[in-house]
C-alpha atoms as a PDB file:
ATOM      1  CA  MET A   1      -0.578   0.282   0.177  1.00  0.00           C
ATOM      2  CA  PRO A   2       1.331   3.452  -1.027  1.00  0.00           C
ATOM      3  CA  ARG A   3       2.864   5.610   2.064  1.00  0.00           C
ATOM      4  CA  ARG A   4       0.138   8.223   1.353  1.00  0.00           C
ATOM      5  CA  LEU A   5      -2.900   5.793   1.963  1.00  0.00           C
ATOM      6  CA  VAL A   6      -1.046   4.285   4.737  1.00  0.00           C
ATOM      7  CA  GLY A   7      -0.752   7.640   6.845  1.00  0.00           C
ATOM      8  CA  LYS A   8      -4.482   8.666   5.367  1.00  0.00           C
ATOM      9  CA  SER A   9      -5.785   4.844   7.151  1.00  0.00           C
ATOM     10  CA  ASN A  10      -3.746   5.723  10.353  1.00  0.00           C
ATOM     11  CA  LYS A  11      -5.769   9.381  10.612  1.00  0.00           C
ATOM     12  CA  THR A  12      -8.606   8.568  10.067  1.00  0.00           C
ATOM     13  CA  LEU A  13      -8.077   5.705  12.313  1.00  0.00           C
ATOM     14  CA  HIS A  14      -6.749   8.115  14.818  1.00  0.00           C
ATOM     15  CA  VAL A  15     -10.121  10.701  14.647  1.00  0.00           C
ATOM     16  CA  ARG A  16     -12.145   7.394  15.139  1.00  0.00           C
ATOM     17  CA  VAL A  17     -10.847   6.381  18.162  1.00  0.00           C
ATOM     18  CA  ARG A  18     -10.543   9.834  19.239  1.00  0.00           C
ATOM     19  CA  THR A  19     -14.099  10.352  18.479  1.00  0.00           C
ATOM     20  CA  LEU A  20     -15.423   6.892  20.088  1.00  0.00           C
ATOM     21  CA  ARG A  21     -13.154   8.420  23.355  1.00  0.00           C
ATOM     22  CA  ASN A  22     -15.173  11.042  23.603  1.00  0.00           C
ATOM     23  CA  ARG A  23     -18.645   9.884  23.401  1.00  0.00           C
ATOM     24  CA  VAL A  24     -17.544   6.980  26.270  1.00  0.00           C
ATOM     25  CA  GLY A  25     -16.255  10.069  28.425  1.00  0.00           C
ATOM     26  CA  LEU A  26     -19.228  12.159  27.918  1.00  0.00           C
ATOM     27  CA  ALA A  27     -21.830   8.733  28.503  1.00  0.00           C
ATOM     28  CA  PHE A  28     -19.393   8.234  31.749  1.00  0.00           C
ATOM     29  CA  VAL A  29     -20.160  11.850  32.756  1.00  0.00           C
ATOM     30  CA  ALA A  30     -23.775  11.498  32.231  1.00  0.00           C
ATOM     31  CA  SER A  31     -23.931   8.969  34.161  1.00  0.00           C
ATOM     32  CA  LEU A  32     -21.986   9.934  37.193  1.00  0.00           C
ATOM     33  CA  SER A  33     -23.620  13.403  36.973  1.00  0.00           C
ATOM     34  CA  VAL A  34     -27.327  10.976  37.301  1.00  0.00           C
ATOM     35  CA  LEU A  35     -25.414   9.783  40.766  1.00  0.00           C
ATOM     36  CA  ALA A  36     -24.299  13.224  41.686  1.00  0.00           C
ATOM     37  CA  GLY A  37     -28.031  14.627  41.036  1.00  0.00           C
ATOM     38  CA  MET A  38     -29.710  11.229  43.244  1.00  0.00           C
ATOM     39  CA  THR A  39     -27.918  11.312  45.923  1.00  0.00           C
ATOM     40  CA  ASP A  40     -28.022  15.398  46.123  1.00  0.00           C
ATOM     41  CA  ALA A  41     -31.813  14.868  46.199  1.00  0.00           C
ATOM     42  CA  ILE A  42     -32.119  12.487  48.620  1.00  0.00           C
ATOM     43  CA  GLY A  43     -30.429  13.960  50.697  1.00  0.00           C
ATOM     44  CA  PHE A  44     -31.828  17.185  50.666  1.00  0.00           C
ATOM     45  CA  LEU A  45     -35.513  16.189  50.858  1.00  0.00           C
ATOM     46  CA  ALA A  46     -33.899  13.441  54.201  1.00  0.00           C
ATOM     47  CA  VAL A  47     -31.702  15.677  55.930  1.00  0.00           C
ATOM     48  CA  GLY A  48     -32.401  18.875  54.639  1.00  0.00           C
ATOM     49  CA  ASP A  49     -28.902  19.960  53.533  1.00  0.00           C
ATOM     50  CA  PHE A  50     -27.139  19.837  50.184  1.00  0.00           C
ATOM     51  CA  ILE A  51     -24.731  17.110  49.711  1.00  0.00           C
ATOM     52  CA  SER A  52     -23.154  18.241  46.496  1.00  0.00           C
ATOM     53  CA  PHE A  53     -24.431  22.007  46.091  1.00  0.00           C
ATOM     54  CA  MET A  54     -22.207  23.445  48.012  1.00  0.00           C
ATOM     55  CA  SER A  55     -22.658  27.080  46.711  1.00  0.00           C
ATOM     56  CA  GLY A  56     -26.347  26.768  47.887  1.00  0.00           C
ATOM     57  CA  ASN A  57     -24.528  25.327  51.699  1.00  0.00           C
ATOM     58  CA  THR A  58     -22.567  28.676  51.533  1.00  0.00           C
ATOM     59  CA  THR A  59     -25.004  31.117  50.772  1.00  0.00           C
ATOM     60  CA  ARG A  60     -27.190  29.267  53.460  1.00  0.00           C
ATOM     61  CA  LEU A  61     -23.790  29.273  55.734  1.00  0.00           C
ATOM     62  CA  ALA A  62     -23.484  32.908  55.256  1.00  0.00           C
ATOM     63  CA  VAL A  63     -27.254  33.719  55.979  1.00  0.00           C
ATOM     64  CA  ALA A  64     -26.589  31.453  59.509  1.00  0.00           C
ATOM     65  CA  ILE A  65     -23.516  33.470  60.320  1.00  0.00           C
ATOM     66  CA  ALA A  66     -25.383  36.772  59.794  1.00  0.00           C
ATOM     67  CA  GLU A  67     -28.274  35.196  61.996  1.00  0.00           C
ATOM     68  CA  GLY A  68     -25.872  33.976  64.821  1.00  0.00           C
ATOM     69  CA  ASP A  69     -27.180  30.047  64.249  1.00  0.00           C
ATOM     70  CA  THR A  70     -24.155  28.636  65.956  1.00  0.00           C
ATOM     71  CA  ARG A  71     -25.855  25.104  65.244  1.00  0.00           C
ATOM     72  CA  VAL A  72     -25.858  25.618  61.393  1.00  0.00           C
ATOM     73  CA  ILE A  73     -22.967  27.726  61.484  1.00  0.00           C
ATOM     74  CA  VAL A  74     -21.191  24.584  62.523  1.00  0.00           C
ATOM     75  CA  ARG A  75     -23.375  21.939  60.140  1.00  0.00           C
ATOM     76  CA  LEU A  76     -23.121  23.544  57.331  1.00  0.00           C
ATOM     77  CA  GLY A  77     -18.706  24.381  58.630  1.00  0.00           C
ATOM     78  CA  PHE A  78     -18.286  20.842  58.280  1.00  0.00           C
ATOM     79  CA  VAL A  79     -20.400  20.132  55.701  1.00  0.00           C
ATOM     80  CA  VAL A  80     -18.097  22.184  53.432  1.00  0.00           C
ATOM     81  CA  LEU A  81     -14.905  20.506  55.365  1.00  0.00           C
ATOM     82  CA  ALA A  82     -15.941  17.636  54.143  1.00  0.00           C
ATOM     83  CA  PHE A  83     -16.564  18.246  50.518  1.00  0.00           C
ATOM     84  CA  VAL A  84     -13.541  19.758  50.000  1.00  0.00           C
ATOM     85  CA  ALA A  85     -11.737  16.779  51.726  1.00  0.00           C
ATOM     86  CA  GLY A  86     -13.699  14.406  49.812  1.00  0.00           C
ATOM     87  CA  ASN A  87     -12.161  16.349  46.503  1.00  0.00           C
ATOM     88  CA  ALA A  88      -8.487  15.927  47.958  1.00  0.00           C
ATOM     89  CA  LEU A  89      -9.150  12.259  48.809  1.00  0.00           C
ATOM     90  CA  GLY A  90     -10.403  11.978  45.312  1.00  0.00           C
ATOM     91  CA  VAL A  91      -7.180  12.609  44.122  1.00  0.00           C
ATOM     92  CA  VAL A  92      -5.181  10.289  46.659  1.00  0.00           C
ATOM     93  CA  PHE A  93      -7.512   7.336  46.098  1.00  0.00           C
ATOM     94  CA  GLY A  94      -7.237   7.708  42.726  1.00  0.00           C
ATOM     95  CA  ARG A  95      -3.482   8.121  41.883  1.00  0.00           C
ATOM     96  CA  TRP A  96      -3.302   4.926  44.295  1.00  0.00           C
ATOM     97  CA  GLY A  97      -5.599   2.945  42.413  1.00  0.00           C
ATOM     98  CA  GLY A  98      -3.385   3.249  39.205  1.00  0.00           C
ATOM     99  CA  ARG A  99      -5.754   6.075  38.216  1.00  0.00           C
ATOM    100  CA  ARG A 100      -8.992   3.378  37.167  1.00  0.00           C
ATOM    101  CA  ALA A 101     -12.566   4.210  38.366  1.00  0.00           C
ATOM    102  CA  LEU A 102     -12.952   1.341  39.909  1.00  0.00           C
ATOM    103  CA  PRO A 103     -11.439   1.090  43.333  1.00  0.00           C
ATOM    104  CA  LEU A 104     -12.879   4.999  43.840  1.00  0.00           C
ATOM    105  CA  LEU A 105     -16.148   4.088  42.866  1.00  0.00           C
ATOM    106  CA  LEU A 106     -16.015   0.930  44.760  1.00  0.00           C
ATOM    107  CA  LEU A 107     -15.086   3.446  48.070  1.00  0.00           C
ATOM    108  CA  ILE A 108     -17.528   5.760  46.968  1.00  0.00           C
ATOM    109  CA  SER A 109     -20.073   3.403  47.034  1.00  0.00           C
ATOM    110  CA  ALA A 110     -18.898   1.980  50.622  1.00  0.00           C
ATOM    111  CA  LEU A 111     -19.827   5.617  51.853  1.00  0.00           C
ATOM    112  CA  LEU A 112     -22.927   6.038  50.710  1.00  0.00           C
ATOM    113  CA  CYS A 113     -24.041   2.850  52.573  1.00  0.00           C
ATOM    114  CA  THR A 114     -23.045   3.503  55.404  1.00  0.00           C
ATOM    115  CA  ALA A 115     -24.788   7.357  54.914  1.00  0.00           C
ATOM    116  CA  GLY A 116     -28.421   5.155  54.145  1.00  0.00           C
ATOM    117  CA  LEU A 117     -27.717   2.718  56.833  1.00  0.00           C
ATOM    118  CA  LEU A 118     -26.412   4.610  59.825  1.00  0.00           C
ATOM    119  CA  PRO A 119     -29.300   4.811  62.317  1.00  0.00           C
ATOM    120  CA  PRO A 120     -31.812   8.234  62.509  1.00  0.00           C
ATOM    121  CA  GLN A 121     -30.604   9.695  65.261  1.00  0.00           C
ATOM    122  CA  SER A 122     -27.213  10.278  63.414  1.00  0.00           C
ATOM    123  CA  GLN A 123     -28.625  12.176  60.204  1.00  0.00           C
ATOM    124  CA  VAL A 124     -25.274  14.752  60.905  1.00  0.00           C
ATOM    125  CA  ALA A 125     -23.097  11.592  60.519  1.00  0.00           C
ATOM    126  CA  ALA A 126     -24.472  10.480  57.318  1.00  0.00           C
ATOM    127  CA  LEU A 127     -24.828  13.535  55.795  1.00  0.00           C
ATOM    128  CA  LEU A 128     -21.175  14.097  56.208  1.00  0.00           C
ATOM    129  CA  THR A 129     -20.300  11.021  54.509  1.00  0.00           C
ATOM    130  CA  ALA A 130     -22.468  11.534  52.084  1.00  0.00           C
ATOM    131  CA  VAL A 131     -21.209  14.556  51.312  1.00  0.00           C
ATOM    132  CA  LEU A 132     -17.401  13.083  51.556  1.00  0.00           C
ATOM    133  CA  ALA A 133     -18.445  10.231  48.796  1.00  0.00           C
ATOM    134  CA  MET A 134     -19.743  13.338  46.538  1.00  0.00           C
ATOM    135  CA  GLY A 135     -16.537  15.135  46.705  1.00  0.00           C
ATOM    136  CA  MET A 136     -14.605  11.993  45.970  1.00  0.00           C
ATOM    137  CA  VAL A 137     -16.793  11.228  42.435  1.00  0.00           C
ATOM    138  CA  ASN A 138     -15.308  14.512  40.955  1.00  0.00           C
ATOM    139  CA  ALA A 139     -12.280  12.274  40.878  1.00  0.00           C
ATOM    140  CA  ALA A 140     -13.066   9.707  38.713  1.00  0.00           C
ATOM    141  CA  VAL A 141     -13.656  12.222  35.518  1.00  0.00           C
ATOM    142  CA  GLU A 142     -12.261  15.701  35.510  1.00  0.00           C
ATOM    143  CA  GLN A 143     -11.660  16.258  31.612  1.00  0.00           C
ATOM    144  CA  VAL A 144     -13.072  14.906  28.337  1.00  0.00           C
ATOM    145  CA  ASN A 145     -11.038  15.847  24.996  1.00  0.00           C
ATOM    146  CA  GLY A 146      -9.057  18.624  27.160  1.00  0.00           C
ATOM    147  CA  LEU A 147     -12.385  20.576  28.561  1.00  0.00           C
ATOM    148  CA  GLN A 148     -13.256  20.391  32.430  1.00  0.00           C
ATOM    149  CA  VAL A 149     -16.001  19.150  33.419  1.00  0.00           C
ATOM    150  CA  GLY A 150     -17.877  18.997  36.626  1.00  0.00           C
ATOM    151  CA  LEU A 151     -20.282  16.160  38.092  1.00  0.00           C
ATOM    152  CA  THR A 152     -21.925  17.269  40.998  1.00  0.00           C
ATOM    153  CA  TYR A 153     -22.085  21.208  40.432  1.00  0.00           C
ATOM    154  CA  VAL A 154     -23.621  22.319  37.002  1.00  0.00           C
ATOM    155  CA  THR A 155     -23.312  26.753  37.704  1.00  0.00           C
ATOM    156  CA  GLY A 156     -19.872  26.773  35.697  1.00  0.00           C
ATOM    157  CA  ALA A 157     -21.368  24.066  32.714  1.00  0.00           C
ATOM    158  CA  LEU A 158     -24.295  26.658  32.384  1.00  0.00           C
ATOM    159  CA  SER A 159     -22.215  29.583  32.539  1.00  0.00           C
ATOM    160  CA  ARG A 160     -19.263  28.189  30.354  1.00  0.00           C
ATOM    161  CA  PHE A 161     -22.722  26.617  27.863  1.00  0.00           C
ATOM    162  CA  GLY A 162     -24.087  30.343  27.620  1.00  0.00           C
ATOM    163  CA  ARG A 163     -20.757  32.043  26.434  1.00  0.00           C
ATOM    164  CA  SER A 164     -20.251  29.657  24.095  1.00  0.00           C
ATOM    165  CA  VAL A 165     -23.287  30.202  22.487  1.00  0.00           C
ATOM    166  CA  GLY A 166     -22.887  34.097  22.429  1.00  0.00           C
ATOM    167  CA  ARG A 167     -19.610  33.139  20.552  1.00  0.00           C
ATOM    168  CA  TRP A 168     -22.051  30.941  18.358  1.00  0.00           C
ATOM    169  CA  LEU A 169     -24.406  33.880  17.672  1.00  0.00           C
ATOM    170  CA  LEU A 170     -21.453  36.039  16.947  1.00  0.00           C
ATOM    171  CA  GLY A 171     -20.322  33.301  14.567  1.00  0.00           C
ATOM    172  CA  GLU A 172     -16.707  32.209  16.135  1.00  0.00           C
ATOM    173  CA  LYS A 173     -16.550  28.390  16.549  1.00  0.00           C
ATOM    174  CA  GLY A 174     -14.805  26.876  19.496  1.00  0.00           C
ATOM    175  CA  PRO A 175     -14.997  23.778  21.047  1.00  0.00           C
ATOM    176  CA  ASN A 176     -17.827  21.288  21.408  1.00  0.00           C
ATOM    177  CA  TRP A 177     -19.801  23.554  24.202  1.00  0.00           C
ATOM    178  CA  ARG A 178     -22.603  21.009  24.320  1.00  0.00           C
ATOM    179  CA  LEU A 179     -20.740  18.963  26.178  1.00  0.00           C
ATOM    180  CA  GLN A 180     -21.700  21.475  29.245  1.00  0.00           C
ATOM    181  CA  LEU A 181     -25.216  20.261  28.784  1.00  0.00           C
ATOM    182  CA  VAL A 182     -24.140  16.455  29.267  1.00  0.00           C
ATOM    183  CA  PRO A 183     -23.388  17.074  33.302  1.00  0.00           C
ATOM    184  CA  TRP A 184     -26.697  18.930  33.607  1.00  0.00           C
ATOM    185  CA  THR A 185     -28.807  16.913  32.279  1.00  0.00           C
ATOM    186  CA  GLY A 186     -27.559  14.000  33.828  1.00  0.00           C
ATOM    187  CA  MET A 187     -27.617  15.934  37.127  1.00  0.00           C
ATOM    188  CA  LEU A 188     -31.484  16.497  36.391  1.00  0.00           C
ATOM    189  CA  ILE A 189     -32.609  13.371  35.348  1.00  0.00           C
ATOM    190  CA  GLY A 190     -30.878  12.005  38.826  1.00  0.00           C
ATOM    191  CA  ALA A 191     -32.139  14.694  40.686  1.00  0.00           C
ATOM    192  CA  VAL A 192     -35.553  13.280  39.733  1.00  0.00           C
ATOM    193  CA  VAL A 193     -35.061   9.599  40.362  1.00  0.00           C
ATOM    194  CA  GLY A 194     -33.674  10.794  43.621  1.00  0.00           C
ATOM    195  CA  ALA A 195     -36.774  12.775  44.746  1.00  0.00           C
ATOM    196  CA  GLY A 196     -39.025   9.671  43.699  1.00  0.00           C
ATOM    197  CA  LEU A 197     -36.602   6.829  45.807  1.00  0.00           C
ATOM    198  CA  GLU A 198     -36.662   9.366  48.921  1.00  0.00           C
ATOM    199  CA  SER A 199     -40.080   9.909  48.809  1.00  0.00           C
ATOM    200  CA  ARG A 200     -40.463   5.832  49.366  1.00  0.00           C
ATOM    201  CA  LEU A 201     -37.445   5.007  51.292  1.00  0.00           C
ATOM    202  CA  GLY A 202     -36.178   7.911  53.033  1.00  0.00           C
ATOM    203  CA  ILE A 203     -32.830   8.185  54.024  1.00  0.00           C
ATOM    204  CA  GLN A 204     -32.098   4.778  52.636  1.00  0.00           C
ATOM    205  CA  ALA A 205     -32.723   5.300  49.294  1.00  0.00           C
ATOM    206  CA  MET A 206     -29.027   6.295  49.556  1.00  0.00           C
ATOM    207  CA  LEU A 207     -28.324   2.306  49.309  1.00  0.00           C
ATOM    208  CA  CYS A 208     -29.839   2.887  45.399  1.00  0.00           C
ATOM    209  CA  SER A 209     -27.251   5.946  44.826  1.00  0.00           C
ATOM    210  CA  ALA A 210     -24.200   3.199  46.501  1.00  0.00           C
ATOM    211  CA  GLY A 211     -25.508   0.742  44.434  1.00  0.00           C
ATOM    212  CA  LEU A 212     -25.425   2.478  41.151  1.00  0.00           C
ATOM    213  CA  ALA A 213     -22.002   3.651  42.223  1.00  0.00           C
ATOM    214  CA  ALA A 214     -20.637   0.257  42.120  1.00  0.00           C
ATOM    215  CA  LEU A 215     -22.724  -0.396  38.947  1.00  0.00           C
ATOM    216  CA  LEU A 216     -20.603   2.488  37.097  1.00  0.00           C
ATOM    217  CA  GLY A 217     -17.548   0.613  38.316  1.00  0.00           C
ATOM    218  CA  LEU A 218     -17.994  -2.227  37.101  1.00  0.00           C
ATOM    219  CA  ILE A 219     -18.673  -0.670  33.723  1.00  0.00           C
ATOM    220  CA  SER A 220     -16.007   0.874  34.161  1.00  0.00           C
ATOM    221  CA  LEU A 221     -14.049  -1.974  33.903  1.00  0.00           C
ATOM    222  CA  LYS A 222     -14.839  -1.818  29.960  1.00  0.00           C
ATOM    223  CA  ILE A 223     -13.494   1.638  29.334  1.00  0.00           C
ATOM    224  CA  PRO A 224      -9.630   0.982  27.990  1.00  0.00           C
ATOM    225  CA  ARG A 225      -7.296   2.289  30.771  1.00  0.00           C
ATOM    226  CA  ARG A 226      -5.670   4.619  28.793  1.00  0.00           C
ATOM    227  CA  TRP A 227      -8.488   6.278  28.550  1.00  0.00           C
ATOM    228  CA  GLN A 228      -9.388   6.451  31.883  1.00  0.00           C
ATOM    229  CA  ARG A 229      -6.275   8.027  32.770  1.00  0.00           C
ATOM    230  CA  ASP A 230      -7.235  10.723  30.516  1.00  0.00           C
ATOM    231  CA  TYR A 231     -10.155  11.647  32.181  1.00  0.00           C
ATOM    232  CA  MET A 232      -9.102  11.533  35.569  1.00  0.00           C
ATOM    233  CA  PRO A 233      -6.831  13.951  37.330  1.00  0.00           C
ATOM    234  CA  GLU A 234      -3.299  13.577  37.168  1.00  0.00           C
END
């Protein structure tokens, strides 16, 4: 085969592999966002605080400070710290697990199981455990095709989407801005499912989140190791 045809064939194959890698990454992002939205809705309805929406918790914390509500200040302060710690630990455990999603998602599943099985009088402990797990989820996928994604918060995604639409209206071409709708859509669908589960099971609906986390971990075994390393934080 002529060298030119070989080069063209290799380039076509490279484009196909890159496209497939991006599609798999987006599907994984969507699935993890469903998990985040589902868990957030369950926690909010069962405990009264957000599990992954730290912007909302920060605003509520500020209001509590202004009102001098010490009990809420302490609780939400620990919630924010738990979320930050979860993000940090997600990177650490992701690195220890060889930057593969399965070990990280199994640990997240175990934390969500714990949150769902704690007795009713341990609501704060259940809340903090679930928040820690949701912080860790963000280390499962950090970027797809060089574009940053957020799994447990969508304000930034909507902002990036809106700005990209503005540039598109001006005739500019940029990266795939539709990517930013993926986590938002996943979180919305997950929250609807989570609200329905919580109405029937209460805080024990966290067990459904735990099951989904474990299932996604098993599904991740089908994703090539090299692709997972591209998705996860370095």
